[in-house]
């Protein structure tokens, strides 16, 4: 059975809080060494990142390159079933260059494996 919530699971919320604060180690800590992270829509076209190191490098480029300042998530819908999580949300970011708003729609499909449930 899949449950829906407007609240993110604590482990995912902590990872996003880390990313928003510029703590990439905190964000990438949720990824397995062989994780797959795909971003289908970017100005340069689809991005497919294979492995925690590639994810880290890409995200550092966004933060260190000063392209955007992370904001907040709204319209959050999280669906959980077993080890699978689907999150739909709108992120309210800003462009670093001029401070103009940048709203991005996100959908994350996350499968957890080998995770201690106590870390939840």
C-alpha atoms as a PDB file:
ATOM      1  CA  UNK A   1       0.000   0.000   0.000  1.00  0.00           C
ATOM      2  CA  UNK A   2       1.284   3.467  -0.888  1.00  0.00           C
ATOM      3  CA  UNK A   3       0.700   6.281   1.582  1.00  0.00           C
ATOM      4  CA  UNK A   4       0.701   9.980   0.713  1.00  0.00           C
ATOM      5  CA  UNK A   5       1.900  12.850   2.862  1.00  0.00           C
ATOM      6  CA  UNK A   6       2.800  16.520   2.591  1.00  0.00           C
ATOM      7  CA  UNK A   7       5.755  15.803   4.904  1.00  0.00           C
ATOM      8  CA  UNK A   8       9.042  14.369   3.717  1.00  0.00           C
ATOM      9  CA  UNK A   9      10.569  11.388   5.517  1.00  0.00           C
ATOM     10  CA  UNK A  10      13.146  12.660   8.055  1.00  0.00           C
ATOM     11  CA  UNK A  11      16.150  11.115   6.260  1.00  0.00           C
ATOM     12  CA  UNK A  12      15.213  12.795   2.958  1.00  0.00           C
ATOM     13  CA  UNK A  13      14.374  16.094   4.622  1.00  0.00           C
ATOM     14  CA  UNK A  14      17.783  16.124   6.365  1.00  0.00           C
ATOM     15  CA  UNK A  15      19.537  15.461   3.050  1.00  0.00           C
ATOM     16  CA  UNK A  16      17.732  18.352   1.353  1.00  0.00           C
ATOM     17  CA  UNK A  17      18.363  20.659   4.320  1.00  0.00           C
ATOM     18  CA  UNK A  18      22.055  19.812   3.968  1.00  0.00           C
ATOM     19  CA  UNK A  19      21.982  20.606   0.251  1.00  0.00           C
ATOM     20  CA  UNK A  20      20.173  23.893   0.792  1.00  0.00           C
ATOM     21  CA  UNK A  21      22.792  24.830   3.425  1.00  0.00           C
ATOM     22  CA  UNK A  22      25.659  24.014   1.036  1.00  0.00           C
ATOM     23  CA  UNK A  23      26.675  20.844   2.912  1.00  0.00           C
ATOM     24  CA  UNK A  24      27.172  18.480  -0.010  1.00  0.00           C
ATOM     25  CA  UNK A  25      28.635  15.730   2.147  1.00  0.00           C
ATOM     26  CA  UNK A  26      25.381  15.705   4.139  1.00  0.00           C
ATOM     27  CA  UNK A  27      23.362  15.549   0.929  1.00  0.00           C
ATOM     28  CA  UNK A  28      25.386  12.874  -0.838  1.00  0.00           C
ATOM     29  CA  UNK A  29      25.546  10.704   2.289  1.00  0.00           C
ATOM     30  CA  UNK A  30      22.131   9.257   1.358  1.00  0.00           C
ATOM     31  CA  UNK A  31      23.481   7.857  -1.909  1.00  0.00           C
ATOM     32  CA  UNK A  32      25.024   4.428  -2.341  1.00  0.00           C
ATOM     33  CA  UNK A  33      28.475   4.432  -3.973  1.00  0.00           C
ATOM     34  CA  UNK A  34      26.840   3.079  -7.172  1.00  0.00           C
ATOM     35  CA  UNK A  35      23.727   5.300  -7.062  1.00  0.00           C
ATOM     36  CA  UNK A  36      22.047   6.558 -10.216  1.00  0.00           C
ATOM     37  CA  UNK A  37      20.779  10.164 -10.298  1.00  0.00           C
ATOM     38  CA  UNK A  38      19.038  11.376 -13.434  1.00  0.00           C
ATOM     39  CA  UNK A  39      17.919  14.905 -14.255  1.00  0.00           C
ATOM     40  CA  UNK A  40      15.903  14.753 -17.470  1.00  0.00           C
ATOM     41  CA  UNK A  41      15.485  18.493 -18.019  1.00  0.00           C
ATOM     42  CA  UNK A  42      18.406  20.919 -17.810  1.00  0.00           C
ATOM     43  CA  UNK A  43      19.372  23.786 -20.107  1.00  0.00           C
ATOM     44  CA  UNK A  44      22.107  21.528 -21.525  1.00  0.00           C
ATOM     45  CA  UNK A  45      19.816  18.500 -21.902  1.00  0.00           C
ATOM     46  CA  UNK A  46      19.387  15.345 -19.815  1.00  0.00           C
ATOM     47  CA  UNK A  47      21.990  14.546 -17.176  1.00  0.00           C
ATOM     48  CA  UNK A  48      22.744  11.006 -15.996  1.00  0.00           C
ATOM     49  CA  UNK A  49      25.048  10.753 -12.986  1.00  0.00           C
ATOM     50  CA  UNK A  50      26.425   7.351 -12.068  1.00  0.00           C
ATOM     51  CA  UNK A  51      27.864   6.961  -8.606  1.00  0.00           C
ATOM     52  CA  UNK A  52      28.093   9.139  -5.517  1.00  0.00           C
ATOM     53  CA  UNK A  53      31.263  10.833  -6.809  1.00  0.00           C
ATOM     54  CA  UNK A  54      29.621  12.011 -10.043  1.00  0.00           C
ATOM     55  CA  UNK A  55      26.590  13.244  -8.092  1.00  0.00           C
ATOM     56  CA  UNK A  56      28.878  15.164  -5.736  1.00  0.00           C
ATOM     57  CA  UNK A  57      30.869  16.699  -8.596  1.00  0.00           C
ATOM     58  CA  UNK A  58      27.734  17.821 -10.432  1.00  0.00           C
ATOM     59  CA  UNK A  59      26.118  19.327  -7.334  1.00  0.00           C
ATOM     60  CA  UNK A  60      29.373  21.107  -6.392  1.00  0.00           C
ATOM     61  CA  UNK A  61      29.358  22.690  -9.831  1.00  0.00           C
ATOM     62  CA  UNK A  62      25.904  24.103  -9.145  1.00  0.00           C
ATOM     63  CA  UNK A  63      26.840  25.460  -5.740  1.00  0.00           C
ATOM     64  CA  UNK A  64      30.441  26.497  -6.356  1.00  0.00           C
ATOM     65  CA  UNK A  65      29.592  27.855  -9.782  1.00  0.00           C
ATOM     66  CA  UNK A  66      27.129  30.142  -8.067  1.00  0.00           C
ATOM     67  CA  UNK A  67      24.353  29.421 -10.517  1.00  0.00           C
ATOM     68  CA  UNK A  68      21.576  29.297  -7.966  1.00  0.00           C
ATOM     69  CA  UNK A  69      20.704  29.841  -4.334  1.00  0.00           C
ATOM     70  CA  UNK A  70      18.505  27.126  -2.944  1.00  0.00           C
ATOM     71  CA  UNK A  71      15.246  28.190  -1.384  1.00  0.00           C
ATOM     72  CA  UNK A  72      12.348  26.156  -0.085  1.00  0.00           C
ATOM     73  CA  UNK A  73      10.021  23.390  -1.207  1.00  0.00           C
ATOM     74  CA  UNK A  74       6.297  23.884  -1.595  1.00  0.00           C
ATOM     75  CA  UNK A  75       3.467  21.728  -2.850  1.00  0.00           C
ATOM     76  CA  UNK A  76       5.167  18.651  -1.399  1.00  0.00           C
ATOM     77  CA  UNK A  77       3.558  15.281  -1.998  1.00  0.00           C
ATOM     78  CA  UNK A  78       5.472  12.259  -0.754  1.00  0.00           C
ATOM     79  CA  UNK A  79       4.417   8.674  -1.418  1.00  0.00           C
ATOM     80  CA  UNK A  80       6.053   5.765   0.389  1.00  0.00           C
ATOM     81  CA  UNK A  81       5.740   2.059  -0.020  1.00  0.00           C
ATOM     82  CA  UNK A  82       8.312  -0.278   1.450  1.00  0.00           C
ATOM     83  CA  UNK A  83      11.756   0.911   0.350  1.00  0.00           C
ATOM     84  CA  UNK A  84      10.396   3.164  -2.426  1.00  0.00           C
ATOM     85  CA  UNK A  85       9.765   6.888  -2.106  1.00  0.00           C
ATOM     86  CA  UNK A  86       8.273   9.219  -4.710  1.00  0.00           C
ATOM     87  CA  UNK A  87       8.365  12.952  -4.002  1.00  0.00           C
ATOM     88  CA  UNK A  88       6.716  15.676  -6.038  1.00  0.00           C
ATOM     89  CA  UNK A  89       7.496  19.270  -5.085  1.00  0.00           C
ATOM     90  CA  UNK A  90       8.091  22.771  -6.364  1.00  0.00           C
ATOM     91  CA  UNK A  91      11.363  24.394  -5.336  1.00  0.00           C
ATOM     92  CA  UNK A  92      11.489  28.151  -4.919  1.00  0.00           C
ATOM     93  CA  UNK A  93      15.112  29.036  -5.736  1.00  0.00           C
ATOM     94  CA  UNK A  94      16.849  32.221  -6.915  1.00  0.00           C
ATOM     95  CA  UNK A  95      19.409  32.826  -9.623  1.00  0.00           C
ATOM     96  CA  UNK A  96      22.668  33.904  -8.054  1.00  0.00           C
ATOM     97  CA  UNK A  97      23.542  36.356 -10.797  1.00  0.00           C
ATOM     98  CA  UNK A  98      20.584  38.688 -10.298  1.00  0.00           C
ATOM     99  CA  UNK A  99      18.460  37.245  -7.472  1.00  0.00           C
ATOM    100  CA  UNK A 100      15.527  36.613  -9.786  1.00  0.00           C
ATOM    101  CA  UNK A 101      13.196  33.790  -8.735  1.00  0.00           C
ATOM    102  CA  UNK A 102      13.569  30.377 -10.278  1.00  0.00           C
ATOM    103  CA  UNK A 103      10.811  27.868  -9.594  1.00  0.00           C
ATOM    104  CA  UNK A 104      11.630  24.281 -10.483  1.00  0.00           C
ATOM    105  CA  UNK A 105       9.299  21.281 -10.383  1.00  0.00           C
ATOM    106  CA  UNK A 106      10.904  18.166  -8.973  1.00  0.00           C
ATOM    107  CA  UNK A 107       9.992  14.512  -8.979  1.00  0.00           C
ATOM    108  CA  UNK A 108      12.309  12.179  -7.103  1.00  0.00           C
ATOM    109  CA  UNK A 109      12.042   8.402  -7.403  1.00  0.00           C
ATOM    110  CA  UNK A 110      14.128   6.909  -4.618  1.00  0.00           C
ATOM    111  CA  UNK A 111      14.717   3.256  -3.792  1.00  0.00           C
ATOM    112  CA  UNK A 112      16.451   2.590  -0.510  1.00  0.00           C
ATOM    113  CA  UNK A 113      18.433  -0.574  -0.011  1.00  0.00           C
ATOM    114  CA  UNK A 114      20.433  -1.933   2.856  1.00  0.00           C
ATOM    115  CA  UNK A 115      19.399   0.886   5.185  1.00  0.00           C
ATOM    116  CA  UNK A 116      19.055   0.479   8.914  1.00  0.00           C
ATOM    117  CA  UNK A 117      15.482   1.495   9.754  1.00  0.00           C
ATOM    118  CA  UNK A 118      16.629   3.014  13.054  1.00  0.00           C
ATOM    119  CA  UNK A 119      18.288   5.839  11.070  1.00  0.00           C
ATOM    120  CA  UNK A 120      14.906   6.510   9.450  1.00  0.00           C
END
